[in-house]
Protein backbone atom coordinates (compact mmCIF):
# COMPACT_ATOMS: atom_id res chain seq x y z
CA MET A 1 6.56 -7.96 -10.67
CA ASP A 2 3.56 -7.09 -9.03
CA GLN A 3 3.67 -9.05 -5.62
CA GLN A 4 0.15 -8.54 -4.59
CA ARG A 5 -1.37 -9.99 -7.93
CA PHE A 6 1.64 -12.78 -7.55
CA TRP A 7 0.43 -13.91 -4.46
CA GLU A 8 -2.86 -13.86 -5.72
CA LEU A 9 -2.41 -16.49 -8.06
CA VAL A 10 -0.33 -18.72 -6.13
CA SER A 11 -2.94 -18.73 -3.15
CA LEU A 12 -5.89 -19.73 -5.82
CA LYS A 13 -3.57 -22.70 -7.46
CA LEU A 14 -2.66 -23.85 -3.84
CA SER A 15 -6.74 -24.21 -3.10
CA GLY A 16 -7.66 -25.90 -6.12
CA GLU A 17 -10.12 -22.40 -7.46
CA ALA A 18 -7.83 -21.32 -9.92
CA ALA A 19 -9.84 -20.76 -13.19
CA ASP A 20 -7.84 -21.59 -16.58
CA GLU A 21 -6.85 -18.23 -17.65
CA GLU A 22 -5.64 -17.42 -13.64
CA LEU A 23 -2.84 -20.65 -14.55
CA LEU A 24 -1.86 -19.22 -17.28
CA GLU A 25 -0.83 -15.99 -16.28
CA LEU A 26 1.06 -17.47 -13.19
CA ASP A 27 2.42 -19.56 -16.20
CA ARG A 28 3.94 -16.41 -17.58
CA LEU A 29 4.88 -14.63 -14.43
CA LYS A 30 6.92 -17.76 -13.80
CA GLN A 31 8.26 -17.30 -16.72
CA GLN A 32 9.40 -13.76 -16.53
CA TYR A 33 10.69 -14.63 -13.10
CA PRO A 34 12.90 -18.34 -13.19
CA GLU A 35 14.27 -17.80 -9.85
CA THR A 36 11.02 -17.72 -8.63
CA ALA A 37 9.65 -20.45 -10.28
CA LEU A 38 12.82 -22.58 -9.02
CA LYS A 39 11.38 -22.56 -5.06
CA LEU A 40 7.36 -22.42 -6.62
CA ASP A 41 7.93 -25.43 -7.72
CA ILE A 42 8.98 -27.38 -4.84
CA ILE A 43 6.29 -26.20 -3.15
CA PHE A 44 3.83 -27.03 -5.11
CA GLY A 45 5.93 -30.20 -6.22
CA ILE A 46 6.12 -30.68 -2.14
CA TRP A 47 2.36 -30.12 -2.00
CA LYS A 48 0.71 -32.00 -4.90
CA GLU A 49 3.09 -35.33 -3.65
CA ASN A 50 2.41 -35.17 0.24
CA SER A 51 -1.68 -34.06 0.35
CA PRO A 52 -4.35 -36.55 0.23
CA PRO A 53 -6.52 -36.24 -2.28
CA ARG A 54 -9.74 -34.18 -1.65
CA GLU A 55 -12.00 -31.52 -2.44
CA PRO A 56 -10.72 -27.91 -2.91
CA ALA A 57 -12.49 -26.97 -0.24
CA LEU A 58 -11.14 -29.23 2.06
CA SER A 59 -7.51 -28.57 1.11
CA PHE A 60 -7.75 -25.48 1.43
CA SER A 61 -9.39 -25.87 4.39
CA ALA A 62 -7.16 -28.02 5.96
CA HIS A 63 -3.80 -26.19 5.35
CA LEU A 64 -5.38 -23.30 7.07
CA ALA A 65 -6.14 -24.92 10.08
CA ARG A 66 -2.42 -25.70 10.08
CA LEU A 67 -1.11 -22.27 9.62
CA LYS A 68 -3.06 -20.75 12.58
CA GLN A 69 -1.50 -23.83 14.68
CA ALA A 70 1.72 -22.57 13.13
CA GLU A 71 1.06 -19.22 14.43
CA VAL A 72 0.91 -17.76 10.63
CA LEU A 73 -3.11 -17.02 10.65
CA PRO A 74 -4.88 -14.67 12.23
CA GLU A 75 -7.73 -15.36 14.49
CA GLU A 76 -9.88 -13.64 12.38
CA ILE A 77 -9.79 -16.27 9.45
CA GLN A 78 -11.43 -19.22 10.98
CA PRO A 79 -10.40 -22.14 8.55
CA ALA A 80 -13.40 -24.64 8.25
CA GLY A 81 -13.39 -28.04 9.55
CA GLU A 82 -12.99 -31.05 7.81
CA GLN A 83 -16.88 -32.10 8.20
CA ALA A 84 -18.69 -28.63 6.99
CA PRO A 85 -15.87 -27.06 4.42
CA VAL A 86 -17.33 -23.20 4.28
CA MET A 87 -15.77 -21.48 1.15
CA LEU A 88 -13.66 -18.82 2.29
CA PRO A 89 -13.55 -15.63 0.38
CA VAL A 90 -10.56 -15.22 -2.26
CA ALA A 91 -10.34 -11.23 -1.16
CA LYS A 92 -9.86 -12.00 2.74
CA ILE A 93 -7.47 -14.45 1.87
CA LYS A 94 -5.16 -12.62 -0.25
CA LYS A 95 -5.45 -9.91 2.74
CA ARG A 96 -4.37 -12.31 5.70
CA TRP A 97 -2.05 -15.01 5.56
CA PHE A 98 -0.91 -14.83 1.60
CA TYR A 99 0.19 -11.83 2.35
CA TYR A 100 1.73 -12.62 5.19
CA LEU A 101 4.11 -14.94 3.02
CA ALA A 102 5.01 -11.90 0.71
CA ALA A 103 5.26 -9.44 3.77
CA ALA A 104 9.18 -9.94 3.80
CA GLY A 105 9.12 -8.86 0.31
CA SER A 106 11.83 -11.71 -1.42
CA VAL A 107 11.81 -13.96 1.22
CA ILE A 108 9.51 -16.83 0.98
CA ILE A 109 8.25 -18.48 3.97
CA PHE A 110 5.98 -21.61 4.08
CA PHE A 111 4.27 -23.86 6.25
CA LEU A 112 2.95 -27.43 5.12
CA GLY A 113 1.77 -30.12 6.78
CA TRP A 114 2.73 -33.65 6.39
CA ILE A 115 5.30 -33.38 3.85
CA TYR A 116 8.65 -35.73 3.68
CA PHE A 117 11.82 -33.62 6.17
CA TYR A 118 14.19 -35.38 3.20
CA ASN A 119 17.94 -35.69 3.93
CA GLY A 120 19.12 -35.76 -0.05
CA THR A 121 17.13 -38.35 -1.72
CA HIS A 122 16.04 -40.27 1.20
CA HIS A 123 13.53 -39.92 3.96
CA ILE A 124 15.16 -38.56 7.58
CA GLU A 125 14.02 -41.76 9.48
CA GLY A 126 11.81 -42.69 7.17
CA LYS A 127 9.17 -40.82 9.00
CA ASN A 128 6.83 -37.95 8.33
CA LYS A 129 7.16 -34.73 9.81
CA VAL A 130 5.86 -31.62 9.89
CA ALA A 131 7.74 -29.09 7.92
CA ASN A 132 8.49 -25.69 6.94
CA ILE A 133 10.31 -24.31 4.52
CA ILE A 134 12.21 -20.90 4.00
CA ALA A 135 14.05 -19.12 1.10
CA THR A 136 15.71 -16.17 -0.52
CA GLN A 137 15.42 -15.43 -3.84
CA ARG A 138 18.59 -14.03 -5.65
CA GLY A 139 19.37 -10.32 -4.60
CA SER A 140 17.99 -11.51 -0.97
CA ARG A 141 19.24 -12.36 2.46
CA THR A 142 17.16 -12.96 5.37
CA THR A 143 17.16 -14.25 9.32
CA VAL A 144 15.08 -16.71 11.22
CA GLN A 145 15.07 -18.35 14.43
CA LEU A 146 13.86 -21.26 15.21
CA SER A 147 11.66 -22.66 17.48
CA ASP A 148 14.60 -24.24 19.79
CA GLY A 149 16.30 -20.78 19.30
CA THR A 150 19.18 -21.26 17.07
CA LYS A 151 19.21 -18.71 14.91
CA VAL A 152 20.02 -19.00 11.09
CA TRP A 153 20.69 -16.18 8.69
CA LEU A 154 19.57 -17.23 4.83
CA ASN A 155 22.25 -15.68 1.71
CA ALA A 156 20.88 -15.28 -1.41
CA ASP A 157 19.09 -18.02 -3.84
CA SER A 158 18.91 -20.54 -0.42
CA ILE A 159 16.99 -22.89 0.81
CA ILE A 160 16.22 -24.31 4.38
CA TYR A 161 13.58 -27.04 5.13
CA TYR A 162 13.06 -27.88 8.62
CA ASP A 163 11.01 -29.84 11.58
CA GLU A 164 9.19 -26.53 12.49
CA ALA A 165 8.60 -28.33 15.99
CA PHE A 166 11.79 -30.55 16.63
CA LYS A 167 9.85 -32.90 18.58
CA SER A 168 11.85 -36.00 17.75
CA ASN A 169 15.80 -36.31 19.58
CA VAL A 170 17.62 -34.14 17.17
CA ARG A 171 16.38 -31.63 15.48
CA GLU A 172 17.29 -31.64 11.88
CA VAL A 173 18.00 -29.10 8.72
CA GLN A 174 17.86 -29.14 5.29
CA LEU A 175 20.15 -26.87 3.66
CA GLU A 176 20.41 -25.93 -0.36
CA GLY A 177 22.74 -22.52 -0.52
CA GLU A 178 24.12 -20.65 2.20
CA ALA A 179 23.58 -20.19 5.70
CA PHE A 180 25.60 -19.53 8.85
CA PHE A 181 23.76 -20.77 12.12
CA ASP A 182 24.16 -20.06 15.42
CA VAL A 183 23.42 -23.26 17.57
CA LYS A 184 21.17 -23.21 20.19
CA LYS A 185 23.03 -25.64 22.92
CA ASP A 186 20.83 -29.02 23.89
CA SER A 187 23.19 -31.97 24.78
CA SER A 188 19.96 -34.33 24.96
CA ARG A 189 19.06 -33.67 21.04
CA PRO A 190 22.06 -32.83 17.98
CA PHE A 191 21.24 -30.52 15.58
CA ILE A 192 22.32 -32.01 12.25
CA ILE A 193 22.78 -30.03 9.00
CA HIS A 194 21.94 -32.10 5.60
CA THR A 195 23.40 -30.96 2.31
CA SER A 196 23.67 -33.21 -0.68
CA VAL A 197 27.85 -33.37 -0.07
CA ILE A 198 28.06 -33.35 3.55
CA ASP A 199 26.23 -33.54 6.62
CA ILE A 200 27.40 -31.82 10.04
CA LYS A 201 26.58 -32.78 13.75
CA VAL A 202 26.51 -30.33 16.25
CA LEU A 203 25.34 -29.79 19.52
CA GLY A 204 26.14 -26.00 19.97
CA THR A 205 28.04 -23.77 17.98
CA ARG A 206 28.52 -20.95 14.81
CA PHE A 207 29.88 -21.55 11.63
CA ASN A 208 28.79 -21.07 8.30
CA VAL A 209 27.78 -23.90 4.91
CA LYS A 210 27.80 -22.85 1.84
CA SER A 211 26.52 -26.10 -0.81
CA TYR A 212 24.91 -24.50 -3.93
CA LYS A 213 24.21 -27.07 -6.46
CA ASN A 214 25.66 -25.53 -9.24
CA GLU A 215 29.43 -24.88 -7.56
CA ASN A 216 31.72 -27.66 -7.25
CA GLU A 217 33.03 -26.99 -3.74
CA THR A 218 30.75 -27.16 -0.48
CA GLU A 219 32.26 -25.29 2.10
CA THR A 220 32.02 -25.75 6.56
CA ALA A 221 33.32 -22.64 7.97
CA LEU A 222 34.10 -23.17 12.15
CA ILE A 223 33.99 -20.03 14.00
CA SER A 224 33.25 -21.04 17.22
CA GLY A 225 32.34 -24.75 18.93
CA ARG A 226 32.82 -28.23 17.45
CA VAL A 227 31.25 -29.75 14.59
CA GLU A 228 31.30 -33.52 13.04
CA ILE A 229 31.27 -33.80 9.79
CA SER A 230 30.40 -36.54 7.42
CA ILE A 231 30.68 -37.14 3.68
CA LYS A 232 28.26 -38.79 1.21
CA GLY A 233 28.60 -41.57 -0.37
CA SER A 234 31.32 -42.29 2.42
CA PRO A 235 30.18 -42.05 5.78
CA GLU A 236 32.41 -43.56 7.66
CA LYS A 237 35.25 -41.37 7.25
CA LYS A 238 34.34 -38.28 9.45
CA ILE A 239 36.21 -34.69 9.72
CA ILE A 240 35.77 -33.12 13.85
CA LEU A 241 36.48 -28.87 12.36
CA ARG A 242 37.44 -26.90 15.39
CA PRO A 243 37.23 -23.14 15.74
CA ASN A 244 38.79 -21.81 13.13
CA GLU A 245 38.90 -24.42 10.80
CA LYS A 246 37.28 -24.08 7.05
CA LEU A 247 36.35 -28.00 5.10
CA ILE A 248 36.31 -27.40 1.36
CA VAL A 249 35.03 -30.48 -0.10
CA LYS A 250 35.51 -30.69 -4.32
CA HIS A 251 33.21 -32.44 -6.11
CA PRO A 252 31.51 -32.67 -9.48
CA ALA A 253 29.38 -29.34 -9.74
CA SER A 254 26.90 -31.06 -12.64
CA SER A 255 25.56 -33.47 -10.12
CA GLY A 256 25.46 -31.64 -6.83
CA THR A 257 26.54 -34.93 -4.91
CA VAL A 258 29.46 -36.95 -4.77
CA GLU A 259 29.78 -40.49 -4.45
CA SER A 260 32.31 -42.95 -2.75
CA GLY A 261 35.82 -41.79 -3.17
CA ASN A 262 34.95 -39.19 -5.69
CA ALA A 263 35.40 -36.29 -3.37
CA LEU A 264 38.57 -34.23 -2.19
CA LEU A 265 38.80 -33.24 1.21
CA VAL A 266 40.74 -29.96 1.90
CA VAL A 267 41.08 -28.13 6.05
CA LYS A 268 42.77 -24.76 6.13
CA ALA A 269 42.74 -22.22 9.02
CA LEU A 270 40.40 -19.56 9.02
CA ARG A 271 42.13 -15.88 8.52
CA LYS A 272 40.22 -12.58 9.32
CA ASN A 273 40.52 -9.37 7.51
CA PRO A 274 42.65 -6.98 8.78
CA VAL A 275 40.19 -4.09 7.82
CA TYR A 276 37.09 -5.69 8.56
CA LYS A 277 38.69 -7.98 11.65
CA SER A 278 36.36 -10.40 10.45
CA ASN A 279 36.27 -13.99 8.45
CA PRO A 280 35.86 -13.65 4.77
CA GLU A 281 33.58 -16.58 4.97
CA ILE A 282 30.66 -14.42 6.91
CA LEU A 283 31.53 -10.78 5.69
CA TRP A 284 28.44 -11.49 3.81
CA MET A 285 26.15 -11.22 6.52
CA ASP A 286 27.08 -7.50 7.03
CA ASN A 287 25.59 -7.06 3.05
CA LYS A 288 29.72 -7.29 1.80
CA LEU A 289 30.75 -8.54 -1.00
CA VAL A 290 33.51 -10.64 -1.12
CA PHE A 291 35.71 -12.26 -3.59
CA ASP A 292 38.73 -14.48 -2.31
CA GLY A 293 40.99 -15.86 -4.47
CA GLU A 294 38.28 -16.80 -6.72
CA THR A 295 38.09 -17.28 -10.70
CA LEU A 296 36.39 -14.84 -12.66
CA GLU A 297 33.36 -18.19 -13.37
CA ALA A 298 33.04 -18.42 -9.28
CA VAL A 299 32.81 -15.10 -9.27
CA CYS A 300 29.98 -14.73 -11.56
CA LYS A 301 28.03 -17.02 -9.72
CA LYS A 302 27.97 -15.30 -6.92
CA LEU A 303 27.08 -11.82 -8.77
CA GLU A 304 23.90 -13.53 -10.00
CA ARG A 305 22.90 -14.04 -6.68
CA TRP A 306 23.74 -11.09 -4.84
CA TYR A 307 22.17 -8.84 -7.96
CA ASN A 308 19.78 -11.45 -9.23
CA VAL A 309 20.94 -10.90 -12.84
CA LYS A 310 21.82 -13.47 -15.66
CA ILE A 311 25.96 -13.10 -16.71
CA THR A 312 27.37 -14.45 -20.04
CA ILE A 313 31.17 -14.16 -19.92
CA GLN A 314 31.70 -14.50 -23.73
CA ASP A 315 35.02 -15.95 -23.65
CA GLU A 316 36.30 -19.41 -22.29
CA SER A 317 39.91 -17.96 -21.48
CA LEU A 318 38.12 -15.28 -19.11
CA LYS A 319 36.70 -17.92 -16.68
CA LYS A 320 40.34 -18.42 -15.07
CA GLY A 321 42.18 -16.29 -12.95
CA ALA A 322 42.07 -15.65 -9.44
CA TYR A 323 39.72 -12.23 -8.06
CA THR A 324 40.37 -10.84 -4.02
CA ALA A 325 38.41 -8.44 -3.24
CA ILE A 326 35.38 -6.74 -0.97
CA PHE A 327 32.75 -4.26 -1.84
CA ASP A 328 30.58 -2.85 0.88
CA GLY A 329 27.26 -1.67 -0.69
CA GLU A 330 28.52 -1.30 -4.59
CA THR A 331 26.27 -1.09 -7.19
CA LEU A 332 27.38 -4.22 -10.06
CA GLU A 333 28.27 -1.84 -12.25
CA ASN A 334 31.04 -0.69 -10.37
CA VAL A 335 32.00 -3.72 -9.65
CA LEU A 336 32.52 -5.03 -12.43
CA THR A 337 33.93 -1.70 -13.45
CA ALA A 338 36.70 -2.23 -10.29
CA LEU A 339 37.18 -5.77 -12.54
CA LYS A 340 37.79 -4.16 -15.71
CA ILE A 341 40.16 -2.03 -14.58
CA THR A 342 42.50 -4.70 -12.87
CA ASP A 343 42.37 -7.20 -15.57
CA GLY A 344 41.54 -7.39 -19.30
CA ILE A 345 37.68 -7.94 -18.81
CA ASP A 346 34.84 -5.37 -20.18
CA PHE A 347 31.37 -6.04 -20.19
CA SER A 348 27.93 -4.60 -20.93
CA ILE A 349 24.91 -4.69 -18.82
CA HIS A 350 21.36 -4.61 -20.62
CA ASN A 351 18.04 -4.91 -17.48
CA ASN A 352 19.42 -7.75 -15.81
CA GLU A 353 21.71 -9.41 -17.98
CA VAL A 354 25.55 -8.63 -17.98
CA LEU A 355 27.61 -9.60 -20.45
CA ILE A 356 31.37 -10.18 -19.89
CA PHE A 357 34.10 -10.08 -22.91
CA THR A 358 38.03 -9.30 -23.75
CA LYS A 359 38.97 -6.18 -23.48
CA LYS A 360 39.56 -4.47 -27.04
């Protein structure tokens, strides 16, 4: 994809300056790259829902002001005042802050003012907050340090929403996907991570959370410190994890949420891989692809995120089974070949589409 042109079109749409043919061009790009389209739809939806009606120039000017306040906008781009808006040249915009958005390649960092920082389907404490969105596409990972000093490693196809300034008496983050958190200790302000299935409360600790909406398990693996986990639908039930423990919450994958009483909770001890001397749950941070007793269906979901491909399993009977392996920097073809050697499967690859079928 032409990243330069793509972000030009995004900037034009947000500013309200896009012509009809430019909107059509952006729609075509979104259809070609559905994984990017999903995240953009989230961004566009929040922008539209939480921005008061105003003239395009005023809207875009206010957005530039928020970017400058967040220290993203270079000094040479001065947003116009609300009372006397000035239409900024698109050429100047695209060479500055929208290129900043694309600078990390497949990582989208977007600053929005006065949006709802939400927990599942309701607003946290019912208040409006200035929030950031950080999203990774399939095939990419990134690291970010939050304003309180907390470090976050974000795995592929994941999103976090967080209050940029952490000005309240709690520090709250919404997660969709997988992330490792090294939380800066602050006894006066607990750190809370919300997913669609669980809420995790900590003071200062290191742990991994995996909560993808299309999967039927949500995991929390604690490396050090202590966390308190509550289950959506059963907030009275709280689980305390200690170092080297993992909580697995089994739930329906279709909804990505749990209702009262329909989640199965399992606590396991973490174990280190003897070769890499680390927990398999966090080896992804070192660019290692890990399968830990996972079905072929679960393996394929992980491969889709890791390599940015679409995989179809032709034979339903192949989805069962258990695969355990660690791949370090291998190509998709090499990984699939290894699976082919160890099991009765075969595969074909065409562009970014993979078909897995029974070996003849």
